[in-house]
Structures are given as structure tokens and as C-alpha cells.
């Protein structure tokens, strides 16, 4: 029994992280440093590297489109999706040109985008809530999206959204 388990484990790890010259299985990977899943990675003809970063909580999904040009990392866009039953709906999007990517900038932009979304919805529904309360709510939701997937209490059921994000979103 131990030999079978050992062989199965070796094969699994070889698929996840194969030796040089062997094609790796197409899997979404978790980046603990950025607190997001990395997917849709590719290299352009000019040698630039691109990927999509996805983080989420029980309320929203944040998608970052990132480009690595030579030795600089740029943010190309940030998209915020809201859950609508079993589907995702785009509620905010910002595009950037030659904007260096850093975590503080991403958090601040995401909070501002979510705050703008809340204020827009409240305005269409003729609801008034103090601005500070809206800011606090936006910050709290963004903070929850930075929870580590490796934490034992992370809701793994939410990983069902990853296939949706990979389909038809450019």
C-alpha cells in the first residue's frame, strides 16, 4: 500500500512541477505573496509575460491583468465582479497605461472602485448612507478578498468561480 501511495504522489507532483523540457499540466496556481490565484499566463511574441490574477471573497471577485515588461511589473486593468446567483457580473473596470503594480495601489484602487459602485447603486435607488460608512464597507470587503487560500477556514466552495473567470473574459 505504501508503494502505491508513493508512486501516486510522485506522479502528482511531477504533473504539478515537472522537470525542464516537460510540459506542465494547465492548472491554476495560488500565489501566497500576492494573495491571489494566477491563471491565463502567456508570453507575447515580443517576450513580455502576462497573467491574470484572481482574488475573491463571499461578495466579490477581483481580477487583475498584469504584464511583466523586461524588469518592470505593470497593472493593465482591474475588474470587479459581483455574484448574481451562480453567475458573475462585471460592476467596475479600470484600465491603466504604464502604471507600476504595487499592492497598496491595487488595494486603494479596488476600494475606490467598490465605493463608486456602492454610491452609484445607492443613487439609483435614492438611498443615502454616510460616505464614511460606505468607505468602511468597501474596505472591509476588499480586506476579506485578501484572505489566504491556504488558511484552514477558507471557503473552498468559492473556488467554483475560477472556471467562470477563465471563460470568455478578455
N, C-alpha and C. Protein backbone atom coordinates (compact mmCIF):
# COMPACT_ATOMS: atom_id res chain seq x y z
N UNK A 1 0.82 -1.20 0.00
CA UNK A 1 0.00 0.00 0.00
C UNK A 1 0.86 1.25 0.00
N UNK A 2 1.93 1.28 0.78
CA UNK A 2 2.79 2.45 0.85
C UNK A 2 3.46 2.73 -0.49
N UNK A 3 3.84 1.68 -1.24
CA UNK A 3 4.46 1.86 -2.55
C UNK A 3 3.49 2.51 -3.52
N UNK A 4 2.23 2.08 -3.51
CA UNK A 4 1.22 2.65 -4.38
C UNK A 4 1.02 4.14 -4.08
N UNK A 5 0.91 4.50 -2.80
CA UNK A 5 0.73 5.89 -2.40
C UNK A 5 1.94 6.72 -2.81
N UNK A 6 3.14 6.17 -2.65
CA UNK A 6 4.37 6.88 -3.02
C UNK A 6 4.40 7.15 -4.52
N UNK A 7 4.05 6.16 -5.33
CA UNK A 7 4.04 6.33 -6.78
C UNK A 7 2.99 7.35 -7.21
N UNK A 8 1.83 7.29 -6.59
CA UNK A 8 0.76 8.23 -6.91
C UNK A 8 1.19 9.65 -6.57
N UNK A 9 1.81 9.83 -5.42
CA UNK A 9 2.26 11.17 -5.01
C UNK A 9 3.33 11.70 -5.94
N UNK A 10 4.29 10.85 -6.34
CA UNK A 10 5.35 11.28 -7.23
C UNK A 10 4.76 11.73 -8.57
N UNK A 11 3.83 10.96 -9.10
CA UNK A 11 3.20 11.31 -10.37
C UNK A 11 2.44 12.63 -10.25
N UNK A 12 1.75 12.84 -9.15
CA UNK A 12 1.01 14.08 -8.93
C UNK A 12 1.96 15.26 -8.91
N UNK A 13 3.04 15.16 -8.16
CA UNK A 13 3.99 16.27 -8.07
C UNK A 13 4.73 16.49 -9.39
N UNK A 14 4.97 15.43 -10.15
CA UNK A 14 5.60 15.58 -11.46
C UNK A 14 4.69 16.33 -12.43
N UNK A 15 3.39 16.17 -12.28
CA UNK A 15 2.45 16.90 -13.13
C UNK A 15 2.35 18.37 -12.72
N UNK A 16 2.41 18.61 -11.42
CA UNK A 16 2.33 19.99 -10.91
C UNK A 16 3.60 20.75 -11.21
N UNK A 17 4.75 20.11 -11.00
CA UNK A 17 6.04 20.77 -11.18
C UNK A 17 6.99 19.79 -11.88
N UNK A 18 6.87 19.67 -13.21
CA UNK A 18 7.69 18.71 -13.95
C UNK A 18 9.12 19.21 -14.14
N UNK A 19 9.98 18.32 -14.55
CA UNK A 19 11.37 18.69 -14.84
C UNK A 19 11.43 19.48 -16.14
N UNK A 20 12.52 20.19 -16.34
CA UNK A 20 12.71 21.04 -17.52
C UNK A 20 12.53 20.22 -18.79
N UNK A 21 11.83 20.80 -19.75
CA UNK A 21 11.59 20.14 -21.03
C UNK A 21 10.31 19.35 -21.08
N UNK A 22 9.62 19.25 -19.96
CA UNK A 22 8.36 18.51 -19.88
C UNK A 22 7.23 19.51 -19.70
N UNK A 23 6.14 19.33 -20.44
CA UNK A 23 5.03 20.27 -20.34
C UNK A 23 4.30 20.10 -19.02
N UNK A 24 4.00 21.23 -18.40
CA UNK A 24 3.31 21.23 -17.12
C UNK A 24 1.80 21.19 -17.35
N UNK A 25 1.09 20.51 -16.47
CA UNK A 25 -0.37 20.47 -16.54
C UNK A 25 -0.92 21.89 -16.41
N UNK A 26 -1.95 22.21 -17.15
CA UNK A 26 -2.55 23.54 -17.10
C UNK A 26 -3.43 23.66 -15.86
N UNK A 27 -2.84 24.20 -14.80
CA UNK A 27 -3.56 24.34 -13.54
C UNK A 27 -3.47 25.77 -13.06
N UNK A 28 -4.47 26.17 -12.33
CA UNK A 28 -4.46 27.48 -11.69
C UNK A 28 -3.60 27.35 -10.45
N UNK A 29 -2.73 28.33 -10.21
CA UNK A 29 -1.85 28.24 -9.05
C UNK A 29 -2.13 29.38 -8.07
N UNK A 30 -1.91 29.10 -6.81
CA UNK A 30 -2.10 30.09 -5.76
C UNK A 30 -0.77 30.77 -5.47
N UNK A 31 -0.76 32.11 -5.45
CA UNK A 31 0.43 32.88 -5.10
C UNK A 31 0.17 33.50 -3.72
N UNK A 32 0.80 32.94 -2.71
CA UNK A 32 0.57 33.38 -1.34
C UNK A 32 1.04 34.82 -1.13
N UNK A 33 2.11 35.22 -1.78
CA UNK A 33 2.63 36.58 -1.63
C UNK A 33 1.66 37.64 -2.10
N UNK A 34 0.99 37.38 -3.22
CA UNK A 34 0.03 38.33 -3.77
C UNK A 34 -1.39 38.05 -3.30
N UNK A 35 -1.59 36.94 -2.60
CA UNK A 35 -2.91 36.51 -2.12
C UNK A 35 -3.92 36.44 -3.27
N UNK A 36 -3.49 35.76 -4.35
CA UNK A 36 -4.40 35.59 -5.48
C UNK A 36 -4.01 34.37 -6.31
N UNK A 37 -4.98 33.88 -7.06
CA UNK A 37 -4.74 32.79 -7.99
C UNK A 37 -4.15 33.39 -9.26
N UNK A 38 -3.21 32.68 -9.86
CA UNK A 38 -2.61 33.09 -11.12
C UNK A 38 -3.12 32.17 -12.21
N UNK A 39 -3.62 32.76 -13.28
CA UNK A 39 -4.13 31.96 -14.39
C UNK A 39 -3.90 32.69 -15.71
N UNK A 40 -4.17 32.00 -16.80
CA UNK A 40 -4.05 32.57 -18.15
C UNK A 40 -2.68 33.20 -18.38
N UNK A 41 -1.63 32.49 -18.02
CA UNK A 41 -0.28 33.01 -18.20
C UNK A 41 0.19 32.74 -19.62
N UNK A 42 0.83 33.74 -20.22
CA UNK A 42 1.39 33.54 -21.55
C UNK A 42 2.50 34.56 -21.82
N UNK A 43 3.31 34.24 -22.81
CA UNK A 43 4.38 35.13 -23.24
C UNK A 43 4.07 35.62 -24.65
N UNK A 44 4.15 36.92 -24.85
CA UNK A 44 3.87 37.51 -26.16
C UNK A 44 5.05 37.28 -27.11
N UNK A 45 4.83 37.55 -28.37
CA UNK A 45 5.88 37.40 -29.38
C UNK A 45 7.08 38.31 -29.07
N UNK A 46 6.83 39.43 -28.43
CA UNK A 46 7.92 40.36 -28.10
C UNK A 46 8.64 40.00 -26.80
N UNK A 47 8.24 38.91 -26.17
CA UNK A 47 8.93 38.46 -24.96
C UNK A 47 8.36 38.97 -23.66
N UNK A 48 7.26 39.72 -23.70
CA UNK A 48 6.62 40.19 -22.47
C UNK A 48 5.74 39.07 -21.92
N UNK A 49 5.62 39.03 -20.61
CA UNK A 49 4.87 37.98 -19.92
C UNK A 49 3.61 38.58 -19.31
N UNK A 50 2.49 37.90 -19.47
CA UNK A 50 1.21 38.38 -18.97
C UNK A 50 0.54 37.29 -18.15
N UNK A 51 -0.24 37.72 -17.18
CA UNK A 51 -1.07 36.78 -16.43
C UNK A 51 -2.28 37.51 -15.87
N UNK A 52 -3.25 36.71 -15.45
CA UNK A 52 -4.44 37.23 -14.80
C UNK A 52 -4.40 36.76 -13.36
N UNK A 53 -4.58 37.70 -12.43
CA UNK A 53 -4.62 37.37 -11.02
C UNK A 53 -6.05 37.49 -10.53
N UNK A 54 -6.49 36.52 -9.74
CA UNK A 54 -7.87 36.48 -9.27
C UNK A 54 -7.88 36.32 -7.76
N UNK A 55 -8.59 37.21 -7.08
CA UNK A 55 -8.82 37.06 -5.65
C UNK A 55 -10.31 37.28 -5.42
N UNK A 56 -10.84 36.68 -4.37
CA UNK A 56 -12.28 36.80 -4.15
C UNK A 56 -12.63 36.53 -2.69
N UNK A 57 -13.84 36.90 -2.36
CA UNK A 57 -14.41 36.58 -1.06
C UNK A 57 -15.86 36.18 -1.32
N UNK A 58 -16.67 36.19 -0.29
CA UNK A 58 -18.06 35.76 -0.44
C UNK A 58 -18.93 36.77 -1.18
N UNK A 59 -18.41 37.96 -1.48
CA UNK A 59 -19.21 39.03 -2.10
C UNK A 59 -18.76 39.42 -3.50
N UNK A 60 -17.44 39.42 -3.73
CA UNK A 60 -16.92 39.95 -4.99
C UNK A 60 -15.77 39.09 -5.51
N UNK A 61 -15.42 39.35 -6.76
CA UNK A 61 -14.24 38.78 -7.40
C UNK A 61 -13.46 39.95 -7.97
N UNK A 62 -12.15 39.97 -7.71
CA UNK A 62 -11.28 41.00 -8.27
C UNK A 62 -10.34 40.31 -9.25
N UNK A 63 -10.29 40.83 -10.47
CA UNK A 63 -9.40 40.28 -11.49
C UNK A 63 -8.40 41.36 -11.87
N UNK A 64 -7.13 41.03 -11.75
CA UNK A 64 -6.06 41.92 -12.17
C UNK A 64 -5.44 41.36 -13.43
N UNK A 65 -5.25 42.21 -14.42
CA UNK A 65 -4.49 41.81 -15.61
C UNK A 65 -3.13 42.48 -15.48
N UNK A 66 -2.10 41.64 -15.45
CA UNK A 66 -0.75 42.11 -15.13
C UNK A 66 0.19 41.78 -16.28
N UNK A 67 1.11 42.69 -16.55
CA UNK A 67 2.13 42.49 -17.56
C UNK A 67 3.52 42.69 -16.99
N UNK A 68 4.42 41.79 -17.34
CA UNK A 68 5.82 41.91 -16.94
C UNK A 68 6.60 42.28 -18.19
N UNK A 69 7.09 43.51 -18.23
CA UNK A 69 7.82 44.02 -19.37
C UNK A 69 9.27 44.20 -18.95
N UNK A 70 10.16 43.40 -19.53
CA UNK A 70 11.58 43.43 -19.19
C UNK A 70 11.74 43.20 -17.69
N UNK A 71 12.01 44.24 -16.92
CA UNK A 71 12.18 44.03 -15.47
C UNK A 71 11.16 44.81 -14.65
N UNK A 72 10.07 45.26 -15.27
CA UNK A 72 9.03 46.03 -14.57
C UNK A 72 7.70 45.29 -14.62
N UNK A 73 6.93 45.42 -13.55
CA UNK A 73 5.60 44.82 -13.49
C UNK A 73 4.57 45.93 -13.53
N UNK A 74 3.67 45.84 -14.50
CA UNK A 74 2.63 46.84 -14.68
C UNK A 74 1.26 46.23 -14.47
N UNK A 75 0.33 47.07 -14.02
CA UNK A 75 -1.06 46.65 -13.95
C UNK A 75 -1.74 47.16 -15.22
N UNK A 76 -2.37 46.28 -15.96
CA UNK A 76 -3.06 46.66 -17.19
C UNK A 76 -4.52 47.00 -16.92
N UNK A 77 -5.14 46.27 -16.00
CA UNK A 77 -6.53 46.58 -15.64
C UNK A 77 -6.91 45.89 -14.34
N UNK A 78 -7.95 46.44 -13.72
CA UNK A 78 -8.58 45.84 -12.55
C UNK A 78 -10.06 45.74 -12.87
N UNK A 79 -10.64 44.58 -12.63
CA UNK A 79 -12.07 44.37 -12.83
C UNK A 79 -12.66 43.85 -11.53
N UNK A 80 -13.84 44.35 -11.19
CA UNK A 80 -14.55 43.84 -10.01
C UNK A 80 -15.87 43.25 -10.48
N UNK A 81 -16.10 42.01 -10.07
CA UNK A 81 -17.32 41.29 -10.41
C UNK A 81 -18.13 41.06 -9.14
N UNK A 82 -19.44 41.06 -9.28
CA UNK A 82 -20.35 40.74 -8.18
C UNK A 82 -21.08 39.45 -8.53
N UNK A 83 -21.45 38.70 -7.52
CA UNK A 83 -22.20 37.47 -7.73
C UNK A 83 -23.66 37.79 -8.03
N UNK A 84 -24.21 37.08 -8.98
CA UNK A 84 -25.63 37.19 -9.30
C UNK A 84 -26.15 35.76 -9.44
N UNK A 85 -26.54 35.20 -8.33
CA UNK A 85 -26.95 33.80 -8.34
C UNK A 85 -25.72 32.93 -8.53
N UNK A 86 -25.62 32.29 -9.68
CA UNK A 86 -24.47 31.44 -9.98
C UNK A 86 -23.55 32.08 -11.00
N UNK A 87 -23.87 33.28 -11.46
CA UNK A 87 -23.06 33.95 -12.47
C UNK A 87 -22.36 35.16 -11.87
N UNK A 88 -21.36 35.63 -12.59
CA UNK A 88 -20.65 36.85 -12.20
C UNK A 88 -21.04 37.97 -13.14
N UNK A 89 -21.17 39.17 -12.58
CA UNK A 89 -21.46 40.35 -13.39
C UNK A 89 -20.38 41.38 -13.15
N UNK A 90 -19.85 41.94 -14.23
CA UNK A 90 -18.86 43.00 -14.12
C UNK A 90 -19.54 44.25 -13.58
N UNK A 91 -18.99 44.82 -12.49
CA UNK A 91 -19.60 46.03 -11.91
C UNK A 91 -18.66 47.24 -11.97
N UNK A 92 -17.36 47.00 -12.10
CA UNK A 92 -16.40 48.10 -12.22
C UNK A 92 -15.18 47.60 -12.99
N UNK A 93 -14.59 48.49 -13.79
CA UNK A 93 -13.38 48.15 -14.53
C UNK A 93 -12.57 49.42 -14.73
N UNK A 94 -11.27 49.30 -14.53
CA UNK A 94 -10.35 50.40 -14.81
C UNK A 94 -9.17 49.86 -15.60
N UNK A 95 -8.82 50.59 -16.65
CA UNK A 95 -7.65 50.26 -17.46
C UNK A 95 -6.53 51.23 -17.12
N UNK A 96 -5.30 50.76 -17.26
CA UNK A 96 -4.14 51.58 -16.93
C UNK A 96 -3.11 51.48 -18.05
N UNK A 97 -2.33 52.53 -18.20
CA UNK A 97 -1.25 52.55 -19.18
C UNK A 97 0.05 52.84 -18.42
N UNK A 98 0.96 51.89 -18.47
CA UNK A 98 2.28 52.02 -17.84
C UNK A 98 2.20 52.43 -16.36
N UNK A 99 1.29 51.81 -15.65
CA UNK A 99 1.14 52.04 -14.20
C UNK A 99 1.86 50.90 -13.48
N UNK A 100 2.87 51.22 -12.69
CA UNK A 100 3.59 50.19 -11.95
C UNK A 100 2.63 49.52 -10.97
N UNK A 101 2.74 48.20 -10.88
CA UNK A 101 1.88 47.45 -9.98
C UNK A 101 2.53 47.38 -8.60
N UNK A 102 1.77 47.79 -7.60
CA UNK A 102 2.16 47.54 -6.21
C UNK A 102 0.89 47.31 -5.41
N UNK A 103 1.04 46.59 -4.32
CA UNK A 103 -0.11 46.14 -3.54
C UNK A 103 -0.94 47.29 -2.96
N UNK A 104 -0.30 48.33 -2.47
CA UNK A 104 -1.04 49.46 -1.91
C UNK A 104 -1.91 50.13 -2.98
N UNK A 105 -1.36 50.28 -4.18
CA UNK A 105 -2.11 50.89 -5.27
C UNK A 105 -3.33 50.02 -5.62
N UNK A 106 -3.12 48.71 -5.73
CA UNK A 106 -4.22 47.79 -6.08
C UNK A 106 -5.32 47.85 -5.02
N UNK A 107 -4.95 47.82 -3.76
CA UNK A 107 -5.95 47.90 -2.69
C UNK A 107 -6.72 49.21 -2.74
N UNK A 108 -5.99 50.33 -2.87
CA UNK A 108 -6.64 51.65 -2.90
C UNK A 108 -7.58 51.76 -4.09
N UNK A 109 -7.14 51.31 -5.25
CA UNK A 109 -7.99 51.37 -6.44
C UNK A 109 -9.21 50.48 -6.29
N UNK A 110 -9.02 49.28 -5.75
CA UNK A 110 -10.14 48.35 -5.57
C UNK A 110 -11.16 48.92 -4.59
N UNK A 111 -10.68 49.51 -3.50
CA UNK A 111 -11.59 50.13 -2.54
C UNK A 111 -12.36 51.29 -3.17
N UNK A 112 -11.67 52.13 -3.93
CA UNK A 112 -12.33 53.26 -4.59
C UNK A 112 -13.36 52.78 -5.61
N UNK A 113 -13.02 51.74 -6.36
CA UNK A 113 -13.94 51.19 -7.35
C UNK A 113 -15.19 50.64 -6.69
N UNK A 114 -15.01 49.90 -5.59
CA UNK A 114 -16.15 49.32 -4.89
C UNK A 114 -17.00 50.41 -4.26
N UNK A 115 -16.36 51.42 -3.71
CA UNK A 115 -17.08 52.57 -3.14
C UNK A 115 -17.91 53.27 -4.23
N UNK A 116 -17.31 53.48 -5.40
CA UNK A 116 -18.04 54.08 -6.52
C UNK A 116 -19.24 53.24 -6.94
N UNK A 117 -19.06 51.93 -6.94
CA UNK A 117 -20.16 51.04 -7.28
C UNK A 117 -21.30 51.18 -6.27
N UNK A 118 -20.95 51.14 -4.98
CA UNK A 118 -21.97 51.30 -3.94
C UNK A 118 -22.71 52.63 -4.09
N UNK A 119 -21.95 53.70 -4.28
CA UNK A 119 -22.57 55.03 -4.39
C UNK A 119 -23.47 55.12 -5.62
N UNK A 120 -23.07 54.51 -6.72
CA UNK A 120 -23.91 54.51 -7.92
C UNK A 120 -25.22 53.77 -7.71
N UNK A 121 -25.13 52.61 -7.08
CA UNK A 121 -26.34 51.83 -6.80
C UNK A 121 -27.25 52.58 -5.83
N UNK A 122 -26.66 53.17 -4.80
CA UNK A 122 -27.46 53.91 -3.83
C UNK A 122 -28.15 55.11 -4.49
N UNK A 123 -27.45 55.77 -5.40
CA UNK A 123 -28.04 56.92 -6.07
C UNK A 123 -29.22 56.51 -6.95
N UNK A 124 -29.09 55.38 -7.66
CA UNK A 124 -30.20 54.92 -8.50
C UNK A 124 -31.40 54.47 -7.67
N UNK A 125 -31.14 54.05 -6.42
CA UNK A 125 -32.22 53.60 -5.54
C UNK A 125 -32.66 54.69 -4.57
N UNK A 126 -32.08 55.89 -4.73
CA UNK A 126 -32.42 57.04 -3.89
C UNK A 126 -32.25 56.73 -2.41
N UNK A 127 -31.08 56.13 -2.08
CA UNK A 127 -30.73 55.78 -0.70
C UNK A 127 -29.53 56.62 -0.30
N UNK A 128 -29.55 57.11 0.93
CA UNK A 128 -28.44 57.91 1.41
C UNK A 128 -27.81 57.25 2.64
N UNK A 129 -26.51 57.00 2.54
CA UNK A 129 -25.74 56.44 3.65
C UNK A 129 -24.49 57.31 3.79
N UNK A 130 -24.07 57.60 5.02
CA UNK A 130 -22.87 58.43 5.19
C UNK A 130 -21.66 57.87 4.43
N UNK A 131 -20.91 58.77 3.82
CA UNK A 131 -19.76 58.40 3.00
C UNK A 131 -18.76 57.54 3.77
N UNK A 132 -18.53 57.87 5.04
CA UNK A 132 -17.59 57.11 5.84
C UNK A 132 -18.03 55.66 5.99
N UNK A 133 -19.31 55.43 6.15
CA UNK A 133 -19.83 54.07 6.29
C UNK A 133 -19.65 53.29 4.97
N UNK A 134 -19.85 53.97 3.86
CA UNK A 134 -19.66 53.33 2.55
C UNK A 134 -18.18 52.96 2.38
N UNK A 135 -17.28 53.87 2.74
CA UNK A 135 -15.84 53.60 2.66
C UNK A 135 -15.45 52.43 3.53
N UNK A 136 -15.97 52.38 4.75
CA UNK A 136 -15.64 51.29 5.67
C UNK A 136 -16.12 49.94 5.13
N UNK A 137 -17.32 49.94 4.55
CA UNK A 137 -17.86 48.70 3.99
C UNK A 137 -17.01 48.24 2.80
N UNK A 138 -16.63 49.17 1.92
CA UNK A 138 -15.79 48.82 0.77
C UNK A 138 -14.45 48.26 1.24
N UNK A 139 -13.84 48.91 2.22
CA UNK A 139 -12.54 48.46 2.73
C UNK A 139 -12.66 47.08 3.36
N UNK A 140 -13.71 46.83 4.12
CA UNK A 140 -13.90 45.53 4.76
C UNK A 140 -14.03 44.41 3.74
N UNK A 141 -14.77 44.66 2.66
CA UNK A 141 -14.95 43.63 1.62
C UNK A 141 -13.64 43.38 0.89
N UNK A 142 -12.91 44.44 0.57
CA UNK A 142 -11.62 44.27 -0.10
C UNK A 142 -10.66 43.51 0.81
N UNK A 143 -10.63 43.84 2.09
CA UNK A 143 -9.77 43.12 3.04
C UNK A 143 -10.09 41.62 3.06
N UNK A 144 -11.38 41.27 3.00
CA UNK A 144 -11.76 39.85 3.00
C UNK A 144 -11.27 39.13 1.74
N UNK A 145 -11.13 39.87 0.64
CA UNK A 145 -10.67 39.23 -0.59
C UNK A 145 -9.17 38.91 -0.53
N UNK A 146 -8.46 39.43 0.46
CA UNK A 146 -7.04 39.15 0.62
C UNK A 146 -6.78 38.01 1.60
N UNK A 147 -7.79 37.24 1.94
CA UNK A 147 -7.63 36.11 2.84
C UNK A 147 -6.86 35.01 2.11
N UNK A 148 -6.00 34.34 2.82
CA UNK A 148 -5.17 33.30 2.21
C UNK A 148 -5.97 32.04 1.91
N UNK A 149 -5.81 31.53 0.72
CA UNK A 149 -6.41 30.26 0.31
C UNK A 149 -5.86 29.11 1.15
N UNK A 150 -4.68 29.29 1.70
CA UNK A 150 -4.04 28.24 2.49
C UNK A 150 -4.56 28.18 3.92
N UNK A 151 -5.31 29.19 4.36
CA UNK A 151 -5.91 29.16 5.69
C UNK A 151 -6.91 28.01 5.77
N UNK A 152 -6.96 27.36 6.91
CA UNK A 152 -7.84 26.19 7.05
C UNK A 152 -9.32 26.55 6.95
N UNK A 153 -9.68 27.80 7.26
CA UNK A 153 -11.09 28.17 7.22
C UNK A 153 -11.50 28.86 5.91
N UNK A 154 -10.63 28.83 4.90
CA UNK A 154 -11.00 29.42 3.61
C UNK A 154 -12.13 28.58 3.00
N UNK A 155 -13.12 29.25 2.49
CA UNK A 155 -14.28 28.56 1.93
C UNK A 155 -13.92 28.02 0.54
N UNK A 156 -13.55 26.74 0.48
CA UNK A 156 -13.12 26.16 -0.79
C UNK A 156 -14.25 26.06 -1.80
N UNK A 157 -15.48 26.16 -1.35
CA UNK A 157 -16.61 26.15 -2.27
C UNK A 157 -16.53 27.33 -3.25
N UNK A 158 -15.90 28.41 -2.80
CA UNK A 158 -15.77 29.58 -3.67
C UNK A 158 -14.86 29.33 -4.86
N UNK A 159 -14.04 28.29 -4.82
CA UNK A 159 -13.16 28.01 -5.96
C UNK A 159 -13.96 27.61 -7.20
N UNK A 160 -15.24 27.38 -7.05
CA UNK A 160 -16.09 27.07 -8.20
C UNK A 160 -16.19 28.24 -9.16
N UNK A 161 -15.85 29.43 -8.73
CA UNK A 161 -15.92 30.59 -9.61
C UNK A 161 -14.75 30.67 -10.57
N UNK A 162 -13.63 30.01 -10.27
CA UNK A 162 -12.45 30.12 -11.12
C UNK A 162 -12.72 29.72 -12.57
N UNK A 163 -13.43 28.63 -12.84
CA UNK A 163 -13.70 28.31 -14.24
C UNK A 163 -14.52 29.40 -14.95
N UNK A 164 -15.42 30.06 -14.26
CA UNK A 164 -16.21 31.13 -14.86
C UNK A 164 -15.32 32.29 -15.31
N UNK A 165 -14.33 32.60 -14.50
CA UNK A 165 -13.46 33.73 -14.80
C UNK A 165 -12.62 33.44 -16.02
N UNK A 166 -12.23 32.18 -16.21
CA UNK A 166 -11.41 31.81 -17.35
C UNK A 166 -12.15 31.77 -18.66
N UNK A 167 -13.46 31.79 -18.64
CA UNK A 167 -14.24 31.65 -19.87
C UNK A 167 -14.67 32.99 -20.41
N UNK A 168 -14.19 33.33 -21.58
CA UNK A 168 -14.68 34.48 -22.32
C UNK A 168 -14.45 35.83 -21.69
N UNK A 169 -13.46 35.98 -20.86
CA UNK A 169 -13.18 37.27 -20.24
C UNK A 169 -11.86 37.78 -20.79
N UNK A 170 -11.89 38.81 -21.59
CA UNK A 170 -10.65 39.43 -22.09
C UNK A 170 -10.65 40.90 -21.91
